[in-house]
Amino acid sequence: MSILTIHLPEPLDATLAERVKTSGAASKEEYLLGLVESDCAGATLERVLIERMNGPSAPLEPDWKDRVRSAAAERSKA
């Protein structure tokens, strides 16, 4: 495991602390790790979908990314 040090301006640090509380994360580190993991998973999914779009299957509609993001946002609200 590697260590990453981040210097945040006070207003952003206060916002981060509030987001940690509302998200239920145990710490700032846990919250940020979750964000990074989510972003990486999304990038992987996007790459797979693009590869499949160019493959033998039927092409996706032009707004597919927006629809996937909307569905994910709705699921996270539940």
N, C-alpha and C. Protein backbone atom coordinates (compact mmCIF):
# COMPACT_ATOMS: atom_id res chain seq x y z
N MET A 1 0.86 -1.17 0.00
CA MET A 1 0.00 0.00 0.00
C MET A 1 0.90 1.23 0.00
N SER A 2 0.49 2.25 -0.69
CA SER A 2 1.26 3.49 -0.73
C SER A 2 0.55 4.57 0.07
N ILE A 3 1.29 5.60 0.40
CA ILE A 3 0.76 6.72 1.17
C ILE A 3 0.70 7.94 0.27
N LEU A 4 -0.41 8.67 0.36
CA LEU A 4 -0.61 9.88 -0.42
C LEU A 4 -0.95 11.00 0.54
N THR A 5 -0.21 12.08 0.47
CA THR A 5 -0.48 13.24 1.32
C THR A 5 -1.13 14.32 0.46
N ILE A 6 -2.22 14.85 0.95
CA ILE A 6 -2.96 15.89 0.22
C ILE A 6 -3.11 17.10 1.12
N HIS A 7 -2.77 18.26 0.61
CA HIS A 7 -2.96 19.51 1.34
C HIS A 7 -4.20 20.19 0.77
N LEU A 8 -5.17 20.44 1.64
CA LEU A 8 -6.43 21.05 1.22
C LEU A 8 -6.59 22.42 1.86
N PRO A 9 -7.15 23.37 1.12
CA PRO A 9 -7.50 24.65 1.74
C PRO A 9 -8.57 24.39 2.82
N GLU A 10 -8.59 25.21 3.84
CA GLU A 10 -9.51 25.02 4.97
C GLU A 10 -10.97 24.87 4.54
N PRO A 11 -11.49 25.71 3.63
CA PRO A 11 -12.90 25.54 3.25
C PRO A 11 -13.18 24.16 2.62
N LEU A 12 -12.26 23.68 1.80
CA LEU A 12 -12.45 22.38 1.18
C LEU A 12 -12.33 21.27 2.22
N ASP A 13 -11.42 21.41 3.17
CA ASP A 13 -11.28 20.43 4.23
C ASP A 13 -12.55 20.36 5.07
N ALA A 14 -13.15 21.51 5.35
CA ALA A 14 -14.40 21.53 6.12
C ALA A 14 -15.52 20.84 5.33
N THR A 15 -15.58 21.08 4.04
CA THR A 15 -16.58 20.43 3.20
C THR A 15 -16.36 18.93 3.18
N LEU A 16 -15.10 18.52 3.07
CA LEU A 16 -14.77 17.10 3.07
C LEU A 16 -15.21 16.46 4.39
N ALA A 17 -14.94 17.12 5.51
CA ALA A 17 -15.34 16.58 6.81
C ALA A 17 -16.85 16.41 6.89
N GLU A 18 -17.59 17.34 6.34
CA GLU A 18 -19.05 17.24 6.33
C GLU A 18 -19.52 16.09 5.44
N ARG A 19 -18.90 15.93 4.29
CA ARG A 19 -19.24 14.82 3.38
C ARG A 19 -18.96 13.47 4.03
N VAL A 20 -17.87 13.40 4.79
CA VAL A 20 -17.54 12.16 5.50
C VAL A 20 -18.67 11.82 6.48
N LYS A 21 -19.13 12.81 7.23
CA LYS A 21 -20.21 12.58 8.20
C LYS A 21 -21.49 12.11 7.51
N THR A 22 -21.88 12.79 6.45
CA THR A 22 -23.14 12.45 5.80
C THR A 22 -23.07 11.14 5.02
N SER A 23 -21.89 10.74 4.61
CA SER A 23 -21.75 9.50 3.83
C SER A 23 -21.69 8.26 4.71
N GLY A 24 -21.37 8.46 5.99
CA GLY A 24 -21.23 7.32 6.87
C GLY A 24 -19.84 6.70 6.85
N ALA A 25 -18.92 7.32 6.13
CA ALA A 25 -17.53 6.83 6.11
C ALA A 25 -16.91 7.04 7.48
N ALA A 26 -15.97 6.18 7.83
CA ALA A 26 -15.33 6.25 9.14
C ALA A 26 -14.27 7.34 9.22
N SER A 27 -13.75 7.76 8.07
CA SER A 27 -12.67 8.75 8.06
C SER A 27 -12.60 9.42 6.69
N LYS A 28 -11.82 10.49 6.63
CA LYS A 28 -11.58 11.15 5.35
C LYS A 28 -10.90 10.19 4.38
N GLU A 29 -9.97 9.41 4.91
CA GLU A 29 -9.25 8.46 4.07
C GLU A 29 -10.19 7.43 3.45
N GLU A 30 -11.12 6.91 4.26
CA GLU A 30 -12.08 5.93 3.76
C GLU A 30 -12.99 6.55 2.71
N TYR A 31 -13.43 7.77 2.95
CA TYR A 31 -14.30 8.46 2.00
C TYR A 31 -13.58 8.67 0.67
N LEU A 32 -12.34 9.18 0.73
CA LEU A 32 -11.59 9.43 -0.51
C LEU A 32 -11.25 8.14 -1.23
N LEU A 33 -10.92 7.09 -0.49
CA LEU A 33 -10.65 5.80 -1.11
C LEU A 33 -11.88 5.30 -1.85
N GLY A 34 -13.05 5.46 -1.26
CA GLY A 34 -14.29 5.08 -1.92
C GLY A 34 -14.51 5.84 -3.21
N LEU A 35 -14.21 7.14 -3.20
CA LEU A 35 -14.36 7.95 -4.42
C LEU A 35 -13.41 7.47 -5.51
N VAL A 36 -12.17 7.19 -5.14
CA VAL A 36 -11.18 6.73 -6.13
C VAL A 36 -11.59 5.37 -6.68
N GLU A 37 -12.01 4.46 -5.81
CA GLU A 37 -12.43 3.13 -6.27
C GLU A 37 -13.62 3.24 -7.20
N SER A 38 -14.57 4.08 -6.86
CA SER A 38 -15.76 4.27 -7.70
C SER A 38 -15.38 4.84 -9.07
N ASP A 39 -14.49 5.82 -9.07
CA ASP A 39 -14.05 6.42 -10.33
C ASP A 39 -13.33 5.39 -11.20
N CYS A 40 -12.47 4.58 -10.59
CA CYS A 40 -11.74 3.56 -11.35
C CYS A 40 -12.69 2.51 -11.91
N ALA A 41 -13.67 2.10 -11.11
CA ALA A 41 -14.66 1.12 -11.59
C ALA A 41 -15.45 1.70 -12.76
N GLY A 42 -15.82 2.98 -12.65
CA GLY A 42 -16.55 3.62 -13.74
C GLY A 42 -15.74 3.71 -15.01
N ALA A 43 -14.45 4.00 -14.88
CA ALA A 43 -13.58 4.08 -16.05
C ALA A 43 -13.44 2.72 -16.70
N THR A 44 -13.33 1.67 -15.88
CA THR A 44 -13.23 0.31 -16.41
C THR A 44 -14.51 -0.06 -17.15
N LEU A 45 -15.64 0.23 -16.54
CA LEU A 45 -16.92 -0.06 -17.17
C LEU A 45 -17.06 0.68 -18.49
N GLU A 46 -16.69 1.95 -18.49
CA GLU A 46 -16.80 2.74 -19.72
C GLU A 46 -15.93 2.14 -20.83
N ARG A 47 -14.72 1.71 -20.48
CA ARG A 47 -13.82 1.11 -21.48
C ARG A 47 -14.43 -0.17 -22.05
N VAL A 48 -15.00 -1.01 -21.17
CA VAL A 48 -15.63 -2.26 -21.62
C VAL A 48 -16.81 -1.96 -22.53
N LEU A 49 -17.63 -1.00 -22.14
CA LEU A 49 -18.79 -0.66 -22.97
C LEU A 49 -18.38 -0.12 -24.33
N ILE A 50 -17.35 0.69 -24.37
CA ILE A 50 -16.87 1.23 -25.65
C ILE A 50 -16.34 0.10 -26.53
N GLU A 51 -15.59 -0.84 -25.93
CA GLU A 51 -15.09 -1.98 -26.70
C GLU A 51 -16.25 -2.80 -27.27
N ARG A 52 -17.26 -3.02 -26.45
CA ARG A 52 -18.43 -3.79 -26.92
C ARG A 52 -19.21 -3.03 -27.97
N MET A 53 -19.24 -1.71 -27.85
CA MET A 53 -19.95 -0.91 -28.82
C MET A 53 -19.31 -1.06 -30.20
N ASN A 54 -18.00 -1.23 -30.23
CA ASN A 54 -17.30 -1.39 -31.50
C ASN A 54 -17.21 -2.84 -31.94
N GLY A 55 -17.77 -3.76 -31.14
CA GLY A 55 -17.70 -5.18 -31.44
C GLY A 55 -18.90 -5.65 -32.25
N PRO A 56 -19.16 -6.96 -32.19
CA PRO A 56 -20.22 -7.54 -33.01
C PRO A 56 -21.63 -7.25 -32.52
N SER A 57 -21.78 -6.71 -31.32
CA SER A 57 -23.12 -6.42 -30.81
C SER A 57 -23.67 -5.14 -31.43
N ALA A 58 -24.95 -4.91 -31.17
CA ALA A 58 -25.59 -3.71 -31.70
C ALA A 58 -24.99 -2.48 -31.02
N PRO A 59 -24.78 -1.40 -31.75
CA PRO A 59 -24.22 -0.19 -31.15
C PRO A 59 -25.16 0.40 -30.10
N LEU A 60 -24.58 1.05 -29.11
CA LEU A 60 -25.36 1.72 -28.08
C LEU A 60 -25.86 3.06 -28.60
N GLU A 61 -26.94 3.52 -27.98
CA GLU A 61 -27.48 4.83 -28.35
C GLU A 61 -26.49 5.91 -27.93
N PRO A 62 -26.52 7.07 -28.59
CA PRO A 62 -25.56 8.14 -28.27
C PRO A 62 -25.63 8.63 -26.83
N ASP A 63 -26.76 8.52 -26.17
CA ASP A 63 -26.89 9.03 -24.80
C ASP A 63 -26.68 7.95 -23.73
N TRP A 64 -26.04 6.84 -24.08
CA TRP A 64 -25.91 5.72 -23.15
C TRP A 64 -25.19 6.10 -21.86
N LYS A 65 -24.16 6.94 -21.95
CA LYS A 65 -23.42 7.32 -20.74
C LYS A 65 -24.33 8.09 -19.78
N ASP A 66 -25.12 9.00 -20.31
CA ASP A 66 -26.03 9.78 -19.47
C ASP A 66 -27.06 8.88 -18.80
N ARG A 67 -27.58 7.89 -19.54
CA ARG A 67 -28.57 6.99 -18.97
C ARG A 67 -27.97 6.10 -17.88
N VAL A 68 -26.75 5.64 -18.08
CA VAL A 68 -26.08 4.82 -17.07
C VAL A 68 -25.82 5.66 -15.81
N ARG A 69 -25.34 6.88 -16.00
CA ARG A 69 -25.08 7.74 -14.84
C ARG A 69 -26.36 8.07 -14.09
N SER A 70 -27.44 8.31 -14.81
CA SER A 70 -28.73 8.61 -14.17
C SER A 70 -29.21 7.40 -13.37
N ALA A 71 -29.09 6.22 -13.94
CA ALA A 71 -29.53 5.01 -13.24
C ALA A 71 -28.68 4.80 -11.98
N ALA A 72 -27.39 5.04 -12.07
CA ALA A 72 -26.51 4.88 -10.91
C ALA A 72 -26.87 5.91 -9.83
N ALA A 73 -27.15 7.12 -10.24
CA ALA A 73 -27.52 8.17 -9.27
C ALA A 73 -28.83 7.82 -8.56
N GLU A 74 -29.78 7.28 -9.30
CA GLU A 74 -31.06 6.87 -8.70
C GLU A 74 -30.84 5.73 -7.72
N ARG A 75 -29.97 4.78 -8.06
CA ARG A 75 -29.70 3.65 -7.18
C ARG A 75 -29.02 4.10 -5.90
N SER A 76 -28.13 5.10 -6.00
CA SER A 76 -27.41 5.55 -4.81
C SER A 76 -28.32 6.34 -3.85
N LYS A 77 -29.44 6.87 -4.35
CA LYS A 77 -30.38 7.59 -3.50
C LYS A 77 -31.21 6.63 -2.65
N ALA A 78 -31.36 5.41 -3.13
CA ALA A 78 -32.22 4.43 -2.43
C ALA A 78 -31.57 3.88 -1.18
